[in-house]
Amino acid sequence: MDGKTVAEKIGVDVAQVYKTLVLENAEHVHFVFIIPVNATLDMKSAAQAVNEKQLHLMPLDDLNKVTGYVRGGCSPFGMKRQFPTIIDQQVEKIDAIYVSGGERGTQIKVNAAHLIKITRAKVKKVTHDGHKHN
């Protein structure tokens, strides 16, 4: 289910729905990025945000082992470990956002400032300008 469909199902603006992506460096050190579902992660900006030369999406086969979650149900809360976390700066324009509740089809509404505090996230620009997809 894409982000636009999720937003429609829960009756909110798609700009309030965020997805959680887990990336890794060449040594398999993991990083979490929370971005709007209608945005695309800028891989170069993402790497710079965590002082890495290059990152790539973690293999889906490793997602459950590393985070405890499945694809489409990866929540920024309650992962097996606290990973360095970045939230895209678009979050600064929104009071509350919706993130995965830990299983497909479950969304949690959370105050953006609380999400930043709980996940110990840094807010940085990590998405492309004008290149949006679901």
C-alpha atoms as a PDB file:
ATOM      1  CA  MET A   1       0.000   0.000   0.000  1.00  0.00           C
ATOM      2  CA  ASP A   2       1.517   3.322  -1.010  1.00  0.00           C
ATOM      3  CA  GLY A   3       1.660   6.441   1.144  1.00  0.00           C
ATOM      4  CA  LYS A   4      -1.142   8.242  -0.675  1.00  0.00           C
ATOM      5  CA  THR A   5      -3.468   5.290  -0.054  1.00  0.00           C
ATOM      6  CA  VAL A   6      -2.488   5.193   3.626  1.00  0.00           C
ATOM      7  CA  ALA A   7      -3.258   8.913   3.955  1.00  0.00           C
ATOM      8  CA  GLU A   8      -6.651   8.454   2.274  1.00  0.00           C
ATOM      9  CA  LYS A   9      -7.519   5.482   4.499  1.00  0.00           C
ATOM     10  CA  ILE A  10      -6.800   7.403   7.693  1.00  0.00           C
ATOM     11  CA  GLY A  11      -8.278  10.642   6.354  1.00  0.00           C
ATOM     12  CA  VAL A  12      -5.239  12.933   6.597  1.00  0.00           C
ATOM     13  CA  ASP A  13      -3.128  15.027   4.249  1.00  0.00           C
ATOM     14  CA  VAL A  14      -0.419  12.898   2.622  1.00  0.00           C
ATOM     15  CA  ALA A  15       2.152  15.486   3.810  1.00  0.00           C
ATOM     16  CA  GLN A  16       1.525  14.282   7.393  1.00  0.00           C
ATOM     17  CA  VAL A  17       2.329  10.628   6.688  1.00  0.00           C
ATOM     18  CA  TYR A  18       5.970   9.610   7.082  1.00  0.00           C
ATOM     19  CA  LYS A  19       7.874   6.424   6.292  1.00  0.00           C
ATOM     20  CA  THR A  20      10.802   4.920   8.142  1.00  0.00           C
ATOM     21  CA  LEU A  21      13.778   3.788   6.072  1.00  0.00           C
ATOM     22  CA  VAL A  22      16.786   1.893   7.387  1.00  0.00           C
ATOM     23  CA  LEU A  23      20.067   2.374   5.557  1.00  0.00           C
ATOM     24  CA  GLU A  24      23.521   0.997   6.160  1.00  0.00           C
ATOM     25  CA  ASN A  25      27.098   1.776   5.281  1.00  0.00           C
ATOM     26  CA  ALA A  26      29.625  -0.679   3.835  1.00  0.00           C
ATOM     27  CA  GLU A  27      30.403  -1.993   7.352  1.00  0.00           C
ATOM     28  CA  HIS A  28      26.694  -2.670   8.043  1.00  0.00           C
ATOM     29  CA  VAL A  29      26.314   0.181  10.528  1.00  0.00           C
ATOM     30  CA  HIS A  30      22.634   1.175  10.455  1.00  0.00           C
ATOM     31  CA  PHE A  31      20.916   4.551  10.239  1.00  0.00           C
ATOM     32  CA  VAL A  32      17.219   5.431  10.361  1.00  0.00           C
ATOM     33  CA  PHE A  33      15.621   8.089   8.160  1.00  0.00           C
ATOM     34  CA  ILE A  34      12.062   9.305   8.675  1.00  0.00           C
ATOM     35  CA  ILE A  35      10.750  11.105   5.599  1.00  0.00           C
ATOM     36  CA  PRO A  36       7.376  12.065   4.076  1.00  0.00           C
ATOM     37  CA  VAL A  37       5.834   9.170   2.146  1.00  0.00           C
ATOM     38  CA  ASN A  38       5.462  11.385  -0.917  1.00  0.00           C
ATOM     39  CA  ALA A  39       9.163  12.329  -0.946  1.00  0.00           C
ATOM     40  CA  THR A  40      12.289  10.586  -2.188  1.00  0.00           C
ATOM     41  CA  LEU A  41      15.361  10.191  -0.012  1.00  0.00           C
ATOM     42  CA  ASP A  42      18.394  12.022  -1.420  1.00  0.00           C
ATOM     43  CA  MET A  43      21.076   9.396  -0.845  1.00  0.00           C
ATOM     44  CA  LYS A  44      23.937  11.896  -0.965  1.00  0.00           C
ATOM     45  CA  SER A  45      22.261  14.198   1.587  1.00  0.00           C
ATOM     46  CA  ALA A  46      21.409  11.209   3.764  1.00  0.00           C
ATOM     47  CA  ALA A  47      25.041  10.066   3.829  1.00  0.00           C
ATOM     48  CA  GLN A  48      26.253  13.590   4.615  1.00  0.00           C
ATOM     49  CA  ALA A  49      23.683  13.886   7.430  1.00  0.00           C
ATOM     50  CA  VAL A  50      25.343  10.996   9.285  1.00  0.00           C
ATOM     51  CA  ASN A  51      28.937  11.762   8.216  1.00  0.00           C
ATOM     52  CA  GLU A  52      29.214   8.788   5.884  1.00  0.00           C
ATOM     53  CA  LYS A  53      30.611   8.667   2.358  1.00  0.00           C
ATOM     54  CA  GLN A  54      27.904   6.370   1.044  1.00  0.00           C
ATOM     55  CA  LEU A  55      24.791   4.572   2.281  1.00  0.00           C
ATOM     56  CA  HIS A  56      22.432   2.053   0.758  1.00  0.00           C
ATOM     57  CA  LEU A  57      19.090   0.589   1.772  1.00  0.00           C
ATOM     58  CA  MET A  58      19.491  -2.318   4.116  1.00  0.00           C
ATOM     59  CA  PRO A  59      18.607  -5.649   2.436  1.00  0.00           C
ATOM     60  CA  LEU A  60      14.976  -6.512   3.218  1.00  0.00           C
ATOM     61  CA  ASP A  61      16.059  -9.959   4.382  1.00  0.00           C
ATOM     62  CA  ASP A  62      17.942  -8.241   7.237  1.00  0.00           C
ATOM     63  CA  LEU A  63      15.194  -5.799   8.254  1.00  0.00           C
ATOM     64  CA  ASN A  64      13.454  -8.029  10.797  1.00  0.00           C
ATOM     65  CA  LYS A  65      16.710  -9.326  12.260  1.00  0.00           C
ATOM     66  CA  VAL A  66      18.097  -5.797  12.760  1.00  0.00           C
ATOM     67  CA  THR A  67      14.955  -3.821  13.687  1.00  0.00           C
ATOM     68  CA  GLY A  68      12.338  -6.377  14.723  1.00  0.00           C
ATOM     69  CA  TYR A  69       9.978  -5.061  12.022  1.00  0.00           C
ATOM     70  CA  VAL A  70       8.826  -6.185   8.574  1.00  0.00           C
ATOM     71  CA  ARG A  71       8.741  -4.209   5.326  1.00  0.00           C
ATOM     72  CA  GLY A  72       5.809  -1.822   5.351  1.00  0.00           C
ATOM     73  CA  GLY A  73       5.620  -1.975   9.134  1.00  0.00           C
ATOM     74  CA  CYS A  74       8.916  -0.456  10.227  1.00  0.00           C
ATOM     75  CA  SER A  75       8.255   1.950  13.077  1.00  0.00           C
ATOM     76  CA  PRO A  76      10.746   4.528  14.354  1.00  0.00           C
ATOM     77  CA  PHE A  77       9.816   3.382  17.878  1.00  0.00           C
ATOM     78  CA  GLY A  78      10.888   0.203  19.622  1.00  0.00           C
ATOM     79  CA  MET A  79      13.571  -1.060  17.291  1.00  0.00           C
ATOM     80  CA  LYS A  80      15.883  -3.664  18.766  1.00  0.00           C
ATOM     81  CA  ARG A  81      18.541  -0.936  19.169  1.00  0.00           C
ATOM     82  CA  GLN A  82      18.630   2.846  19.152  1.00  0.00           C
ATOM     83  CA  PHE A  83      20.105   3.779  15.769  1.00  0.00           C
ATOM     84  CA  PRO A  84      21.235   7.244  14.692  1.00  0.00           C
ATOM     85  CA  THR A  85      18.041   8.825  13.361  1.00  0.00           C
ATOM     86  CA  ILE A  86      17.397  11.686  10.960  1.00  0.00           C
ATOM     87  CA  ILE A  87      13.986  13.242  10.296  1.00  0.00           C
ATOM     88  CA  ASP A  88      13.578  15.279   7.133  1.00  0.00           C
ATOM     89  CA  GLN A  89      13.270  19.002   7.813  1.00  0.00           C
ATOM     90  CA  GLN A  90       9.766  19.104   6.308  1.00  0.00           C
ATOM     91  CA  VAL A  91       8.673  17.902   9.755  1.00  0.00           C
ATOM     92  CA  GLU A  92       9.286  21.435  11.073  1.00  0.00           C
ATOM     93  CA  LYS A  93       6.169  22.642   9.211  1.00  0.00           C
ATOM     94  CA  ILE A  94       3.857  20.093  10.879  1.00  0.00           C
ATOM     95  CA  ASP A  95       2.631  19.719  14.466  1.00  0.00           C
ATOM     96  CA  ALA A  96       1.732  16.036  14.244  1.00  0.00           C
ATOM     97  CA  ILE A  97       2.707  13.289  11.836  1.00  0.00           C
ATOM     98  CA  TYR A  98       1.699   9.690  11.263  1.00  0.00           C
ATOM     99  CA  VAL A  99       4.285   6.912  11.326  1.00  0.00           C
ATOM    100  CA  SER A 100       4.054   3.144  11.206  1.00  0.00           C
ATOM    101  CA  GLY A 101       2.836   1.505  14.368  1.00  0.00           C
ATOM    102  CA  GLY A 102       5.015  -1.558  13.821  1.00  0.00           C
ATOM    103  CA  GLU A 103       2.871  -3.631  11.478  1.00  0.00           C
ATOM    104  CA  ARG A 104       1.465  -3.111   8.019  1.00  0.00           C
ATOM    105  CA  GLY A 105      -1.663  -0.988   8.027  1.00  0.00           C
ATOM    106  CA  THR A 106      -1.155   0.430  11.529  1.00  0.00           C
ATOM    107  CA  GLN A 107      -0.368   4.134  11.855  1.00  0.00           C
ATOM    108  CA  ILE A 108       0.391   6.172  14.984  1.00  0.00           C
ATOM    109  CA  LYS A 109      -0.253   9.910  15.231  1.00  0.00           C
ATOM    110  CA  VAL A 110       2.584  11.561  17.125  1.00  0.00           C
ATOM    111  CA  ASN A 111       3.565  15.115  17.952  1.00  0.00           C
ATOM    112  CA  ALA A 112       6.546  15.915  15.730  1.00  0.00           C
ATOM    113  CA  ALA A 113       8.570  17.411  18.583  1.00  0.00           C
ATOM    114  CA  HIS A 114       7.921  14.318  20.721  1.00  0.00           C
ATOM    115  CA  LEU A 115       9.014  12.041  17.888  1.00  0.00           C
ATOM    116  CA  ILE A 116      12.270  13.965  17.570  1.00  0.00           C
ATOM    117  CA  LYS A 117      12.872  13.723  21.325  1.00  0.00           C
ATOM    118  CA  ILE A 118      11.939  10.044  21.686  1.00  0.00           C
ATOM    119  CA  THR A 119      14.048   8.907  18.721  1.00  0.00           C
ATOM    120  CA  ARG A 120      16.878  11.342  19.580  1.00  0.00           C
ATOM    121  CA  ALA A 121      16.683  12.414  15.955  1.00  0.00           C
ATOM    122  CA  LYS A 122      18.444  15.204  14.179  1.00  0.00           C
ATOM    123  CA  VAL A 123      16.367  17.271  11.767  1.00  0.00           C
ATOM    124  CA  LYS A 124      18.081  17.715   8.403  1.00  0.00           C
ATOM    125  CA  LYS A 125      17.148  18.102   4.757  1.00  0.00           C
ATOM    126  CA  VAL A 126      17.485  14.622   3.279  1.00  0.00           C
ATOM    127  CA  THR A 127      14.847  14.570   0.518  1.00  0.00           C
ATOM    128  CA  HIS A 128      14.924  15.744  -3.096  1.00  0.00           C
ATOM    129  CA  ASP A 129      13.251  19.026  -4.039  1.00  0.00           C
ATOM    130  CA  GLY A 130      10.355  18.608  -6.414  1.00  0.00           C
ATOM    131  CA  HIS A 131      10.864  14.893  -7.093  1.00  0.00           C
ATOM    132  CA  LYS A 132       7.930  13.206  -5.450  1.00  0.00           C
ATOM    133  CA  HIS A 133       6.432   9.792  -5.849  1.00  0.00           C
ATOM    134  CA  ASN A 134       4.439   7.382  -3.726  1.00  0.00           C
END
